[in-house]
């Protein structure tokens, strides 16, 4: 199945479940970009914090952007290559700026955003070349000192996952890439690959965790906050 067709179909049935950490996001955005070691307590949001332009790449139906909207952020933009995901998001959240965009280069000027969110998106861009282009484009559209919030999946070690990693390794040439029963192609990453995704950035926070997937399964994953070098 074509991957756009898969995600267009998923737009009608799937609910995204990965938790967004407002505390982590707010700790490092706005006036939090001082470079000092932050406290573990969420700090109060200033108007300047809430005014930063935020881009959600692979926004789906806008779930994460809506969470940010509800706490006061307004300069929010979301893009997704699934036109049906965007249509669903516009119906649910007509106040959000949600746009359909094809893969490849991002349709924005250099240094357009103060923060970029990439939430369970790299998993679907399973080829190294596509992932590298996505991260290079993210770097380009971020302002110097801007923040990336990256969240995705790591390799699992249970029998079910080990079997499907092995089954599709020759087909796709990368261990960890596999096909879902309903036609999607996704990738679980080694930690080394996850760290390589943000090698051009300064990593501020990297945490391994466990997520519930959109299909209701448990999976290893990671949450990374990183900064584009610059003032």
Protein backbone atom coordinates (compact mmCIF):
# COMPACT_ATOMS: atom_id res chain seq x y z
CA UNK A 1 0.00 0.00 0.00
CA UNK A 2 1.22 3.51 -0.83
CA UNK A 3 2.15 5.24 2.44
CA UNK A 4 0.06 8.31 1.72
CA UNK A 5 -2.94 6.04 1.11
CA UNK A 6 -2.19 4.26 4.38
CA UNK A 7 -2.14 7.48 6.42
CA UNK A 8 -5.18 8.88 4.62
CA UNK A 9 -7.05 5.74 5.65
CA UNK A 10 -5.62 5.95 9.19
CA UNK A 11 -6.98 9.49 9.51
CA UNK A 12 -10.47 8.06 9.88
CA UNK A 13 -9.67 5.46 12.53
CA UNK A 14 -6.43 6.13 14.45
CA UNK A 15 -6.02 8.11 17.65
CA UNK A 16 -2.49 9.25 18.47
CA UNK A 17 -1.43 8.46 22.01
CA UNK A 18 2.17 9.55 22.62
CA UNK A 19 2.16 12.01 25.54
CA UNK A 20 3.40 15.54 24.94
CA UNK A 21 5.36 16.99 27.88
CA UNK A 22 4.46 20.64 28.24
CA UNK A 23 6.89 20.87 31.15
CA UNK A 24 9.82 19.77 28.97
CA UNK A 25 8.75 21.96 26.06
CA UNK A 26 8.27 25.08 28.18
CA UNK A 27 11.50 24.51 30.09
CA UNK A 28 13.59 25.08 27.00
CA UNK A 29 11.56 27.55 24.91
CA UNK A 30 11.15 31.31 25.17
CA UNK A 31 13.10 32.81 28.06
CA UNK A 32 14.12 29.27 28.99
CA UNK A 33 16.81 29.42 26.28
CA UNK A 34 19.33 30.90 28.70
CA UNK A 35 21.62 27.88 28.72
CA UNK A 36 21.39 27.52 32.51
CA UNK A 37 20.50 24.19 34.08
CA UNK A 38 16.73 24.31 34.59
CA UNK A 39 14.97 23.37 37.78
CA UNK A 40 12.67 20.37 37.79
CA UNK A 41 9.71 22.65 38.44
CA UNK A 42 7.77 24.05 35.49
CA UNK A 43 8.33 27.78 35.30
CA UNK A 44 5.62 30.34 34.70
CA UNK A 45 5.01 31.17 31.06
CA UNK A 46 5.59 34.74 29.97
CA UNK A 47 3.96 36.39 26.99
CA UNK A 48 7.27 36.11 25.12
CA UNK A 49 7.34 32.35 25.66
CA UNK A 50 3.84 31.89 24.27
CA UNK A 51 4.56 34.12 21.26
CA UNK A 52 7.26 31.93 19.71
CA UNK A 53 6.39 30.48 16.29
CA UNK A 54 6.02 26.69 16.53
CA UNK A 55 6.00 24.19 13.65
CA UNK A 56 4.65 20.64 14.05
CA UNK A 57 6.03 18.45 11.25
CA UNK A 58 3.76 15.48 10.59
CA UNK A 59 1.07 17.07 12.73
CA UNK A 60 -1.60 14.51 11.83
CA UNK A 61 -4.96 15.95 12.85
CA UNK A 62 -3.38 18.62 15.07
CA UNK A 63 -3.64 16.97 18.48
CA UNK A 64 -0.36 18.36 19.87
CA UNK A 65 -0.90 21.84 18.47
CA UNK A 66 -4.33 21.93 20.06
CA UNK A 67 -2.77 21.13 23.44
CA UNK A 68 -0.41 24.08 22.98
CA UNK A 69 -3.29 26.30 21.86
CA UNK A 70 -5.21 25.48 25.01
CA UNK A 71 -2.37 26.78 27.18
CA UNK A 72 -1.96 30.02 25.28
CA UNK A 73 0.31 29.47 22.28
CA UNK A 74 -1.03 31.13 19.13
CA UNK A 75 1.72 31.16 16.48
CA UNK A 76 1.17 27.52 15.58
CA UNK A 77 1.63 25.84 12.19
CA UNK A 78 1.18 22.17 11.35
CA UNK A 79 2.02 20.28 8.16
CA UNK A 80 1.28 16.72 7.09
CA UNK A 81 1.42 14.89 3.77
CA UNK A 82 -1.93 13.20 4.46
CA UNK A 83 -4.69 15.44 3.11
CA UNK A 84 -7.28 13.50 5.09
CA UNK A 85 -5.38 14.02 8.35
CA UNK A 86 -5.35 17.74 7.64
CA UNK A 87 -9.05 17.72 6.71
CA UNK A 88 -9.88 15.96 9.98
CA UNK A 89 -7.80 18.48 11.92
CA UNK A 90 -9.47 21.45 10.25
CA UNK A 91 -12.87 20.03 11.17
CA UNK A 92 -11.83 19.45 14.78
CA UNK A 93 -9.74 22.58 15.28
CA UNK A 94 -10.68 25.21 12.68
CA UNK A 95 -8.63 27.86 14.52
CA UNK A 96 -5.34 26.02 13.82
CA UNK A 97 -3.14 26.66 10.78
CA UNK A 98 -2.91 23.15 9.33
CA UNK A 99 -1.50 22.62 5.86
CA UNK A 100 -0.93 19.74 3.47
CA UNK A 101 2.69 19.47 2.36
CA UNK A 102 4.52 16.79 0.40
CA UNK A 103 7.73 15.24 1.63
CA UNK A 104 11.14 16.67 0.85
CA UNK A 105 11.95 20.34 1.37
CA UNK A 106 9.81 22.20 3.89
CA UNK A 107 7.77 25.07 2.40
CA UNK A 108 9.18 27.70 4.77
CA UNK A 109 12.00 30.22 4.73
CA UNK A 110 15.20 29.79 6.68
CA UNK A 111 15.02 30.53 10.42
CA UNK A 112 11.21 30.81 10.46
CA UNK A 113 10.44 29.03 13.74
CA UNK A 114 11.51 29.16 17.36
CA UNK A 115 10.54 25.54 17.98
CA UNK A 116 9.85 22.46 15.86
CA UNK A 117 7.97 19.39 17.06
CA UNK A 118 8.52 15.99 15.38
CA UNK A 119 6.31 13.50 17.16
CA UNK A 120 6.38 9.85 16.00
CA UNK A 121 7.13 10.98 12.45
CA UNK A 122 10.65 9.70 11.84
CA UNK A 123 9.30 6.16 12.33
CA UNK A 124 7.32 6.52 9.10
CA UNK A 125 10.29 8.04 7.23
CA UNK A 126 12.09 4.75 7.51
CA UNK A 127 14.90 5.32 4.98
CA UNK A 128 18.10 6.94 6.29
CA UNK A 129 18.14 9.41 3.38
CA UNK A 130 14.58 10.58 4.10
CA UNK A 131 15.32 10.94 7.80
CA UNK A 132 18.50 12.90 7.11
CA UNK A 133 16.65 15.26 4.77
CA UNK A 134 13.92 15.80 7.35
CA UNK A 135 16.45 16.70 10.04
CA UNK A 136 18.44 18.96 7.69
CA UNK A 137 15.27 20.82 6.75
CA UNK A 138 14.31 21.10 10.43
CA UNK A 139 17.72 22.62 11.13
CA UNK A 140 17.24 25.08 8.26
CA UNK A 141 13.83 26.41 9.28
CA UNK A 142 14.76 26.76 12.97
CA UNK A 143 16.04 30.07 14.23
CA UNK A 144 19.52 30.02 15.82
CA UNK A 145 18.95 28.93 19.41
CA UNK A 146 15.65 27.34 18.43
CA UNK A 147 14.44 24.10 19.97
CA UNK A 148 13.52 20.75 18.46
CA UNK A 149 11.25 18.38 20.40
CA UNK A 150 11.79 14.93 18.89
CA UNK A 151 9.93 11.84 20.05
CA UNK A 152 10.05 8.42 18.39
CA UNK A 153 10.49 4.66 18.77
CA UNK A 154 13.45 2.50 19.74
CA UNK A 155 14.07 -1.20 19.12
CA UNK A 156 12.17 -3.65 21.29
CA UNK A 157 13.40 -7.03 22.48
CA UNK A 158 10.23 -9.09 22.83
CA UNK A 159 9.67 -12.09 20.58
CA UNK A 160 6.93 -10.46 18.50
CA UNK A 161 9.13 -7.55 17.51
CA UNK A 162 12.29 -9.58 17.06
CA UNK A 163 10.48 -11.82 14.61
CA UNK A 164 9.20 -8.98 12.46
CA UNK A 165 12.54 -7.14 12.50
CA UNK A 166 14.18 -10.31 11.18
CA UNK A 167 11.38 -11.00 8.67
CA UNK A 168 11.70 -7.64 6.91
CA UNK A 169 15.43 -6.92 7.34
CA UNK A 170 16.32 -8.18 3.86
CA UNK A 171 13.31 -6.52 2.24
CA UNK A 172 14.17 -3.03 3.47
CA UNK A 173 17.89 -3.37 4.15
CA UNK A 174 17.63 -1.94 7.66
CA UNK A 175 17.09 -3.92 10.84
CA UNK A 176 14.11 -2.47 12.67
CA UNK A 177 12.00 -1.62 9.63
CA UNK A 178 8.83 -3.69 9.30
CA UNK A 179 5.35 -3.75 7.82
CA UNK A 180 2.24 -3.38 9.92
CA UNK A 181 -0.65 -5.80 9.31
CA UNK A 182 -2.77 -3.02 7.81
CA UNK A 183 -0.13 -1.91 5.32
CA UNK A 184 2.02 0.74 7.01
CA UNK A 185 5.81 0.63 6.96
CA UNK A 186 7.54 1.88 10.11
CA UNK A 187 10.94 1.78 11.79
CA UNK A 188 12.18 1.22 15.31
CA UNK A 189 15.64 2.69 15.88
CA UNK A 190 18.82 1.85 17.69
CA UNK A 191 19.82 4.48 20.24
CA UNK A 192 22.87 5.19 18.07
CA UNK A 193 20.60 6.06 15.14
CA UNK A 194 18.34 8.16 17.37
CA UNK A 195 21.34 10.17 18.56
CA UNK A 196 22.61 10.55 14.99
CA UNK A 197 19.36 12.26 14.02
CA UNK A 198 20.25 15.24 16.22
CA UNK A 199 24.01 15.30 15.69
CA UNK A 200 23.85 18.81 14.21
CA UNK A 201 22.10 20.10 17.34
CA UNK A 202 23.13 20.57 20.96
CA UNK A 203 21.28 17.89 22.95
CA UNK A 204 19.72 19.27 26.13
CA UNK A 205 17.68 16.26 27.20
CA UNK A 206 17.55 12.64 26.02
CA UNK A 207 15.34 10.16 27.80
CA UNK A 208 14.50 6.56 26.99
CA UNK A 209 10.94 5.64 27.85
CA UNK A 210 8.04 3.34 26.97
CA UNK A 211 5.06 4.48 24.90
CA UNK A 212 1.69 3.10 23.90
CA UNK A 213 1.43 3.07 20.10
CA UNK A 214 -1.59 4.14 18.06
CA UNK A 215 -2.39 0.41 17.72
CA UNK A 216 -2.47 -0.06 21.49
CA UNK A 217 0.87 -1.85 21.86
CA UNK A 218 3.75 -0.98 24.16
CA UNK A 219 7.06 0.08 22.61
CA UNK A 220 10.40 1.45 23.69
CA UNK A 221 10.92 5.03 22.67
CA UNK A 222 12.82 8.23 23.34
CA UNK A 223 12.16 11.90 23.93
CA UNK A 224 14.86 14.36 22.92
CA UNK A 225 15.10 18.12 23.33
CA UNK A 226 17.89 19.73 21.31
CA UNK A 227 18.90 23.25 20.34
CA UNK A 228 20.15 24.67 17.07
CA UNK A 229 23.51 26.30 17.81
CA UNK A 230 23.60 30.06 17.71
CA UNK A 231 22.56 33.10 19.70
